[in-house]
C-alpha atoms as a PDB file:
ATOM      1  CA  MET A   1     133.154  65.144  12.472  1.00  0.00           C
ATOM      2  CA  ASN A   2     134.788  62.246  13.416  1.00  0.00           C
ATOM      3  CA  SER A   3     138.321  61.455  11.747  1.00  0.00           C
ATOM      4  CA  GLN A   4     137.669  58.002  11.398  1.00  0.00           C
ATOM      5  CA  LYS A   5     134.561  58.728   9.117  1.00  0.00           C
ATOM      6  CA  SER A   6     134.744  59.306   5.833  1.00  0.00           C
ATOM      7  CA  PHE A   7     131.714  60.598   3.159  1.00  0.00           C
ATOM      8  CA  TRP A   8     131.100  59.756   0.067  1.00  0.00           C
ATOM      9  CA  ALA A   9     128.735  60.949  -3.202  1.00  0.00           C
ATOM     10  CA  VAL A  10     126.677  58.424  -5.311  1.00  0.00           C
ATOM     11  CA  ILE A  11     124.885  59.315  -7.591  1.00  0.00           C
ATOM     12  CA  PRO A  12     122.397  57.464 -10.194  1.00  0.00           C
ATOM     13  CA  ALA A  13     122.742  58.312 -13.453  1.00  0.00           C
ATOM     14  CA  ALA A  14     121.517  55.784 -16.045  1.00  0.00           C
ATOM     15  CA  GLY A  15     117.921  56.864 -15.786  1.00  0.00           C
ATOM     16  CA  VAL A  16     116.364  58.297 -19.109  1.00  0.00           C
ATOM     17  CA  GLY A  17     114.169  60.899 -17.819  1.00  0.00           C
ATOM     18  CA  LYS A  18     111.003  60.144 -20.730  1.00  0.00           C
ATOM     19  CA  ARG A  19     108.699  62.758 -18.633  1.00  0.00           C
ATOM     20  CA  MET A  20     111.200  65.371 -19.744  1.00  0.00           C
ATOM     21  CA  ALA A  21     110.415  64.757 -23.811  1.00  0.00           C
ATOM     22  CA  ALA A  22     113.743  66.220 -24.506  1.00  0.00           C
ATOM     23  CA  ASP A  23     116.372  65.052 -26.669  1.00  0.00           C
ATOM     24  CA  ARG A  24     118.673  63.836 -23.913  1.00  0.00           C
ATOM     25  CA  PRO A  25     118.506  61.994 -20.318  1.00  0.00           C
ATOM     26  CA  LYS A  26     117.502  65.434 -18.409  1.00  0.00           C
ATOM     27  CA  GLN A  27     120.710  65.594 -16.263  1.00  0.00           C
ATOM     28  CA  TYR A  28     123.129  66.096 -19.599  1.00  0.00           C
ATOM     29  CA  LEU A  29     119.794  69.366 -19.644  1.00  0.00           C
ATOM     30  CA  GLU A  30     121.814  72.805 -20.129  1.00  0.00           C
ATOM     31  CA  LEU A  31     120.935  74.693 -17.114  1.00  0.00           C
ATOM     32  CA  GLN A  32     122.707  78.348 -16.553  1.00  0.00           C
ATOM     33  CA  ASN A  33     125.701  77.147 -19.070  1.00  0.00           C
ATOM     34  CA  LYS A  34     125.800  73.496 -17.120  1.00  0.00           C
ATOM     35  CA  THR A  35     124.144  70.357 -17.793  1.00  0.00           C
ATOM     36  CA  VAL A  36     122.199  69.274 -14.845  1.00  0.00           C
ATOM     37  CA  MET A  37     124.825  67.021 -13.767  1.00  0.00           C
ATOM     38  CA  GLU A  38     127.862  68.867 -13.567  1.00  0.00           C
ATOM     39  CA  HIS A  39     125.818  71.226 -11.045  1.00  0.00           C
ATOM     40  CA  CYS A  40     124.903  68.568  -8.872  1.00  0.00           C
ATOM     41  CA  LEU A  41     128.636  67.322  -9.321  1.00  0.00           C
ATOM     42  CA  GLN A  42     129.974  70.316  -8.833  1.00  0.00           C
ATOM     43  CA  ARG A  43     127.704  70.692  -5.427  1.00  0.00           C
ATOM     44  CA  LEU A  44     129.278  67.149  -3.571  1.00  0.00           C
ATOM     45  CA  LEU A  45     132.635  67.752  -4.511  1.00  0.00           C
ATOM     46  CA  ASP A  46     132.727  71.477  -3.654  1.00  0.00           C
ATOM     47  CA  HIS A  47     131.624  69.857   0.040  1.00  0.00           C
ATOM     48  CA  PRO A  48     134.585  69.339   2.347  1.00  0.00           C
ATOM     49  CA  ASP A  49     133.543  67.022   3.939  1.00  0.00           C
ATOM     50  CA  ILE A  50     132.250  64.826   0.745  1.00  0.00           C
ATOM     51  CA  SER A  51     135.583  62.364  -0.329  1.00  0.00           C
ATOM     52  CA  GLY A  52     134.393  61.250  -3.803  1.00  0.00           C
ATOM     53  CA  VAL A  53     131.569  60.301  -5.729  1.00  0.00           C
ATOM     54  CA  VAL A  54     130.651  57.729  -7.601  1.00  0.00           C
ATOM     55  CA  VAL A  55     128.309  57.647 -10.684  1.00  0.00           C
ATOM     56  CA  SER A  56     126.760  54.893 -12.097  1.00  0.00           C
ATOM     57  CA  LEU A  57     126.077  55.663 -16.017  1.00  0.00           C
ATOM     58  CA  ASP A  58     124.136  54.074 -18.651  1.00  0.00           C
ATOM     59  CA  GLU A  59     125.843  51.366 -20.709  1.00  0.00           C
ATOM     60  CA  HIS A  60     125.161  53.359 -23.927  1.00  0.00           C
ATOM     61  CA  ASP A  61     125.803  57.114 -22.435  1.00  0.00           C
ATOM     62  CA  THR A  62     127.207  59.215 -24.988  1.00  0.00           C
ATOM     63  CA  TYR A  63     127.159  62.693 -23.133  1.00  0.00           C
ATOM     64  CA  TRP A  64     129.513  61.856 -19.849  1.00  0.00           C
ATOM     65  CA  ALA A  65     133.083  62.424 -21.701  1.00  0.00           C
ATOM     66  CA  ASP A  66     131.650  65.831 -22.438  1.00  0.00           C
ATOM     67  CA  ILE A  67     131.241  66.381 -18.779  1.00  0.00           C
ATOM     68  CA  ASN A  68     133.391  69.463 -16.856  1.00  0.00           C
ATOM     69  CA  PHE A  69     134.006  69.439 -13.241  1.00  0.00           C
ATOM     70  CA  SER A  70     137.019  70.937 -11.323  1.00  0.00           C
ATOM     71  CA  HIS A  71     138.238  69.113  -8.540  1.00  0.00           C
ATOM     72  CA  ASN A  72     140.976  66.592  -7.553  1.00  0.00           C
ATOM     73  CA  LYS A  73     139.065  64.734  -5.451  1.00  0.00           C
ATOM     74  CA  PRO A  74     138.138  61.371  -7.008  1.00  0.00           C
ATOM     75  CA  VAL A  75     135.191  60.451  -9.061  1.00  0.00           C
ATOM     76  CA  ILE A  76     134.422  57.045  -9.828  1.00  0.00           C
ATOM     77  CA  THR A  77     132.148  55.601 -13.047  1.00  0.00           C
ATOM     78  CA  CYS A  78     130.424  52.320 -13.204  1.00  0.00           C
ATOM     79  CA  THR A  79     127.553  50.568 -15.429  1.00  0.00           C
ATOM     80  CA  GLY A  80     123.914  51.069 -14.134  1.00  0.00           C
ATOM     81  CA  GLY A  81     121.241  49.045 -14.534  1.00  0.00           C
ATOM     82  CA  ALA A  82     117.716  49.412 -15.637  1.00  0.00           C
ATOM     83  CA  GLU A  83     116.124  49.759 -12.322  1.00  0.00           C
ATOM     84  CA  ARG A  84     117.902  52.632  -9.616  1.00  0.00           C
ATOM     85  CA  TYR A  85     118.423  49.608  -7.621  1.00  0.00           C
ATOM     86  CA  ASP A  86     120.626  48.168  -9.970  1.00  0.00           C
ATOM     87  CA  SER A  87     122.354  52.285 -10.121  1.00  0.00           C
ATOM     88  CA  VAL A  88     123.085  52.590  -6.667  1.00  0.00           C
ATOM     89  CA  MET A  89     123.992  48.545  -5.424  1.00  0.00           C
ATOM     90  CA  ASN A  90     126.366  48.933  -8.671  1.00  0.00           C
ATOM     91  CA  ALA A  91     127.707  52.036  -7.828  1.00  0.00           C
ATOM     92  CA  LEU A  92     127.639  50.831  -3.349  1.00  0.00           C
ATOM     93  CA  VAL A  93     129.872  47.781  -5.056  1.00  0.00           C
ATOM     94  CA  ALA A  94     132.645  50.188  -7.011  1.00  0.00           C
ATOM     95  CA  LEU A  95     133.056  52.349  -4.120  1.00  0.00           C
ATOM     96  CA  LYS A  96     133.819  49.305  -1.730  1.00  0.00           C
ATOM     97  CA  LYS A  97     136.163  48.305  -4.230  1.00  0.00           C
ATOM     98  CA  SER A  98     138.410  51.155  -4.598  1.00  0.00           C
ATOM     99  CA  ILE A  99     138.483  51.481  -0.140  1.00  0.00           C
ATOM    100  CA  SER A 100     139.879  49.175   2.297  1.00  0.00           C
ATOM    101  CA  THR A 101     137.873  47.056   3.920  1.00  0.00           C
ATOM    102  CA  GLU A 102     139.144  49.033   7.480  1.00  0.00           C
ATOM    103  CA  GLU A 103     137.832  52.249   5.552  1.00  0.00           C
ATOM    104  CA  THR A 104     134.449  50.221   4.312  1.00  0.00           C
ATOM    105  CA  GLU A 105     133.117  50.204   8.190  1.00  0.00           C
ATOM    106  CA  GLN A 106     133.565  53.887   8.409  1.00  0.00           C
ATOM    107  CA  THR A 107     132.526  55.301   5.140  1.00  0.00           C
ATOM    108  CA  TRP A 108     129.030  57.139   5.088  1.00  0.00           C
ATOM    109  CA  VAL A 109     127.575  56.913   1.482  1.00  0.00           C
ATOM    110  CA  LEU A 110     124.840  60.096   0.139  1.00  0.00           C
ATOM    111  CA  VAL A 111     123.211  58.870  -2.474  1.00  0.00           C
ATOM    112  CA  HIS A 112     121.715  62.071  -4.026  1.00  0.00           C
ATOM    113  CA  ASP A 113     119.405  62.328  -7.389  1.00  0.00           C
ATOM    114  CA  ALA A 114     120.798  63.492 -10.949  1.00  0.00           C
ATOM    115  CA  ALA A 115     118.347  65.712 -11.300  1.00  0.00           C
ATOM    116  CA  ARG A 116     118.501  67.733  -7.952  1.00  0.00           C
ATOM    117  CA  PRO A 117     121.078  70.473  -9.451  1.00  0.00           C
ATOM    118  CA  CYS A 118     119.691  73.067  -6.389  1.00  0.00           C
ATOM    119  CA  VAL A 119     120.962  70.899  -3.334  1.00  0.00           C
ATOM    120  CA  ARG A 120     123.034  73.243  -0.703  1.00  0.00           C
ATOM    121  CA  ALA A 121     126.259  72.831   0.905  1.00  0.00           C
ATOM    122  CA  GLU A 122     124.307  74.018   4.144  1.00  0.00           C
ATOM    123  CA  ASP A 123     121.794  71.169   3.965  1.00  0.00           C
ATOM    124  CA  ILE A 124     124.342  68.538   3.092  1.00  0.00           C
ATOM    125  CA  THR A 125     126.509  69.454   6.492  1.00  0.00           C
ATOM    126  CA  LYS A 126     123.020  69.167   8.372  1.00  0.00           C
ATOM    127  CA  LEU A 127     122.740  65.748   7.168  1.00  0.00           C
ATOM    128  CA  ILE A 128     126.015  64.875   7.734  1.00  0.00           C
ATOM    129  CA  GLU A 129     125.879  66.313  11.788  1.00  0.00           C
ATOM    130  CA  SER A 130     122.440  64.962  11.898  1.00  0.00           C
ATOM    131  CA  ALA A 131     122.352  61.799  10.973  1.00  0.00           C
ATOM    132  CA  SER A 132     125.813  60.196  11.104  1.00  0.00           C
ATOM    133  CA  PHE A 133     125.675  59.555  14.948  1.00  0.00           C
ATOM    134  CA  ASP A 134     124.012  56.086  14.619  1.00  0.00           C
ATOM    135  CA  ASP A 135     123.451  53.205  12.275  1.00  0.00           C
ATOM    136  CA  HIS A 136     119.744  54.077  11.168  1.00  0.00           C
ATOM    137  CA  GLY A 137     121.329  56.783   9.251  1.00  0.00           C
ATOM    138  CA  GLY A 138     118.964  59.547   7.469  1.00  0.00           C
ATOM    139  CA  LEU A 139     117.565  61.934   4.834  1.00  0.00           C
ATOM    140  CA  LEU A 140     117.109  65.683   3.936  1.00  0.00           C
ATOM    141  CA  ALA A 141     112.451  65.859   3.672  1.00  0.00           C
ATOM    142  CA  ILE A 142     110.526  68.735   3.797  1.00  0.00           C
ATOM    143  CA  PRO A 143     106.852  68.384   5.848  1.00  0.00           C
ATOM    144  CA  VAL A 144     103.573  68.225   3.709  1.00  0.00           C
ATOM    145  CA  ARG A 145     102.309  71.183   4.017  1.00  0.00           C
ATOM    146  CA  ASP A 146      99.328  70.948   1.149  1.00  0.00           C
ATOM    147  CA  THR A 147      96.416  69.202   1.404  1.00  0.00           C
ATOM    148  CA  MET A 148      96.904  65.263   0.090  1.00  0.00           C
ATOM    149  CA  LYS A 149      94.021  63.214  -1.642  1.00  0.00           C
ATOM    150  CA  ARG A 150      93.964  59.357  -2.779  1.00  0.00           C
ATOM    151  CA  GLN A 151      92.531  59.319  -5.875  1.00  0.00           C
ATOM    152  CA  GLN A 152      90.433  56.817  -7.062  1.00  0.00           C
ATOM    153  CA  GLU A 153      89.415  55.995 -10.486  1.00  0.00           C
ATOM    154  CA  ASN A 154      88.688  58.383 -13.426  1.00  0.00           C
ATOM    155  CA  ASN A 155      91.123  60.931 -11.813  1.00  0.00           C
ATOM    156  CA  ARG A 156      88.205  61.180  -8.735  1.00  0.00           C
ATOM    157  CA  VAL A 157      88.953  62.421  -5.346  1.00  0.00           C
ATOM    158  CA  GLN A 158      88.776  58.953  -2.573  1.00  0.00           C
ATOM    159  CA  THR A 159      89.821  60.525   0.512  1.00  0.00           C
ATOM    160  CA  THR A 160      91.195  63.459   2.205  1.00  0.00           C
ATOM    161  CA  VAL A 161      94.254  62.127   3.499  1.00  0.00           C
ATOM    162  CA  ASP A 162      95.728  63.332   7.136  1.00  0.00           C
ATOM    163  CA  ARG A 163      99.160  65.567   6.404  1.00  0.00           C
ATOM    164  CA  THR A 164     100.503  65.411   9.958  1.00  0.00           C
ATOM    165  CA  GLY A 165     103.134  63.708   9.967  1.00  0.00           C
ATOM    166  CA  LEU A 166     103.778  62.993   6.134  1.00  0.00           C
ATOM    167  CA  TRP A 167     107.352  64.099   4.597  1.00  0.00           C
ATOM    168  CA  HIS A 168     108.426  64.534   1.450  1.00  0.00           C
ATOM    169  CA  ALA A 169     111.573  62.805   0.645  1.00  0.00           C
ATOM    170  CA  LEU A 170     114.296  64.656  -1.014  1.00  0.00           C
ATOM    171  CA  THR A 171     118.259  63.667  -1.370  1.00  0.00           C
ATOM    172  CA  PRO A 172     120.980  63.526  -0.120  1.00  0.00           C
ATOM    173  CA  GLN A 173     120.026  60.407   2.062  1.00  0.00           C
ATOM    174  CA  MET A 174     122.948  59.280   3.852  1.00  0.00           C
ATOM    175  CA  PHE A 175     123.465  55.492   5.523  1.00  0.00           C
ATOM    176  CA  LYS A 176     126.409  53.383   6.249  1.00  0.00           C
ATOM    177  CA  LEU A 177     127.951  51.693   3.210  1.00  0.00           C
ATOM    178  CA  PRO A 178     127.539  47.978   4.258  1.00  0.00           C
ATOM    179  CA  LEU A 179     124.286  48.512   5.693  1.00  0.00           C
ATOM    180  CA  LEU A 180     123.006  50.163   2.628  1.00  0.00           C
ATOM    181  CA  ILE A 181     124.876  47.499   0.471  1.00  0.00           C
ATOM    182  CA  SER A 182     122.389  44.729   3.125  1.00  0.00           C
ATOM    183  CA  ALA A 183     119.608  46.549   2.853  1.00  0.00           C
ATOM    184  CA  LEU A 184     118.857  46.979  -1.268  1.00  0.00           C
ATOM    185  CA  ASP A 185     120.463  43.488  -1.291  1.00  0.00           C
ATOM    186  CA  ASN A 186     117.615  42.053   1.354  1.00  0.00           C
ATOM    187  CA  ALA A 187     114.497  43.560  -0.444  1.00  0.00           C
ATOM    188  CA  HIS A 188     115.962  42.522  -4.050  1.00  0.00           C
ATOM    189  CA  GLN A 189     116.078  39.177  -2.830  1.00  0.00           C
ATOM    190  CA  LYS A 190     112.535  39.440  -1.460  1.00  0.00           C
ATOM    191  CA  GLY A 191     111.470  40.724  -4.927  1.00  0.00           C
ATOM    192  CA  LEU A 192     110.662  43.841  -3.274  1.00  0.00           C
ATOM    193  CA  HIS A 193     110.402  47.430  -4.698  1.00  0.00           C
ATOM    194  CA  VAL A 194     112.221  50.473  -3.041  1.00  0.00           C
ATOM    195  CA  THR A 195     111.478  53.853  -4.746  1.00  0.00           C
ATOM    196  CA  ASP A 196     114.813  55.031  -2.521  1.00  0.00           C
ATOM    197  CA  ASP A 197     116.813  54.031  -0.328  1.00  0.00           C
ATOM    198  CA  ALA A 198     115.693  54.509   2.924  1.00  0.00           C
ATOM    199  CA  SER A 199     113.373  52.611   2.102  1.00  0.00           C
ATOM    200  CA  ALA A 200     115.291  49.961   1.998  1.00  0.00           C
ATOM    201  CA  MET A 201     116.675  50.610   5.215  1.00  0.00           C
ATOM    202  CA  GLU A 202     112.956  50.741   6.695  1.00  0.00           C
ATOM    203  CA  LEU A 203     112.735  47.314   5.503  1.00  0.00           C
ATOM    204  CA  ASP A 204     115.837  46.375   7.634  1.00  0.00           C
ATOM    205  CA  GLY A 205     114.227  47.495  10.684  1.00  0.00           C
ATOM    206  CA  TYR A 206     115.744  50.735  10.862  1.00  0.00           C
ATOM    207  CA  THR A 207     114.115  54.364  10.930  1.00  0.00           C
ATOM    208  CA  PRO A 208     116.297  56.845   9.453  1.00  0.00           C
ATOM    209  CA  LEU A 209     115.905  60.361  10.643  1.00  0.00           C
ATOM    210  CA  LEU A 210     114.323  62.985   8.766  1.00  0.00           C
ATOM    211  CA  VAL A 211     116.097  66.238   8.488  1.00  0.00           C
ATOM    212  CA  GLU A 212     114.854  69.268   7.311  1.00  0.00           C
ATOM    213  CA  GLY A 213     115.954  70.539   4.251  1.00  0.00           C
ATOM    214  CA  HIS A 214     115.036  73.420   1.712  1.00  0.00           C
ATOM    215  CA  GLU A 215     112.528  73.586  -0.534  1.00  0.00           C
ATOM    216  CA  ASP A 216     114.082  74.889  -3.412  1.00  0.00           C
ATOM    217  CA  ASN A 217     115.945  71.446  -3.606  1.00  0.00           C
ATOM    218  CA  ILE A 218     113.706  69.991  -6.545  1.00  0.00           C
ATOM    219  CA  LYS A 219     114.135  67.274  -8.819  1.00  0.00           C
ATOM    220  CA  ILE A 220     113.922  67.995 -12.845  1.00  0.00           C
ATOM    221  CA  THR A 221     111.438  65.417 -13.762  1.00  0.00           C
ATOM    222  CA  ARG A 222     109.123  67.924 -16.291  1.00  0.00           C
ATOM    223  CA  PRO A 223     109.784  71.019 -18.617  1.00  0.00           C
ATOM    224  CA  PHE A 224     108.505  73.683 -16.411  1.00  0.00           C
ATOM    225  CA  ASP A 225     110.853  72.011 -13.321  1.00  0.00           C
ATOM    226  CA  LEU A 226     113.684  73.111 -15.296  1.00  0.00           C
ATOM    227  CA  ILE A 227     112.672  76.778 -15.614  1.00  0.00           C
ATOM    228  CA  LEU A 228     112.160  76.170 -12.365  1.00  0.00           C
ATOM    229  CA  ALA A 229     115.829  74.887 -11.132  1.00  0.00           C
ATOM    230  CA  ASN A 230     117.356  77.899 -13.375  1.00  0.00           C
ATOM    231  CA  LEU A 231     115.351  80.878 -11.050  1.00  0.00           C
ATOM    232  CA  TYR A 232     116.164  78.823  -7.652  1.00  0.00           C
ATOM    233  CA  LEU A 233     119.920  79.433  -8.554  1.00  0.00           C
ATOM    234  CA  ARG A 234     120.081  82.590  -9.221  1.00  0.00           C
ATOM    235  CA  GLU A 235     118.247  83.537  -6.441  1.00  0.00           C
ATOM    236  CA  GLN A 236     120.991  81.130  -4.017  1.00  0.00           C
ATOM    237  CA  LEU A 237     123.788  83.604  -6.000  1.00  0.00           C
ATOM    238  CA  ASN A 238     122.132  85.975  -3.977  1.00  0.00           C
ATOM    239  CA  ASP A 239     122.066  84.603  -0.698  1.00  0.00           C
END
């Protein structure tokens, strides 16, 4: 990697995860004797190109204090917000305050979901090496393989959608720190709802690179996902 570039991870972790119907936010559920969050943190901190991690937490979070991770890289925490935008933006601002102005221009951020504990180091490397060569950045993704249906009222099929060129967006999604701050702020000022960071960059005229990752980089959203994640982690140990 270019020695002038630096790479930081950002984890927006202020969400509750109501669809899990659990007694705590999904990032704090147990997965192979660790929390989901601990798996995510460790994988990001263990990557040699990542300088540190910024985590945005709910203001009433009572679980973070018990989180364990083994690394001497910095882990910065900040207060998140009601929406993903707020949590990501607060983390970006916290990171910007912790580094110099000169560093800001050369810093890339990899925004990663707190509920994706199975991300592979090789995919993070692939993203960094493929998408840090221009201002457009990029994201891990996988091509859509299933037939896609658009729904109408009463859960009936309206039409079949051509899947050619369609991808499932994953994380991390990686962009230059100042450009992502600007893109998120512009979307917010215009009242535009963005569901991921790439969407904000797209609205600013950028065309992020789609970097194919592994299908085991799942997001834990529903109870069965926790079972899948457990199986995937076991398989990765045997790779």
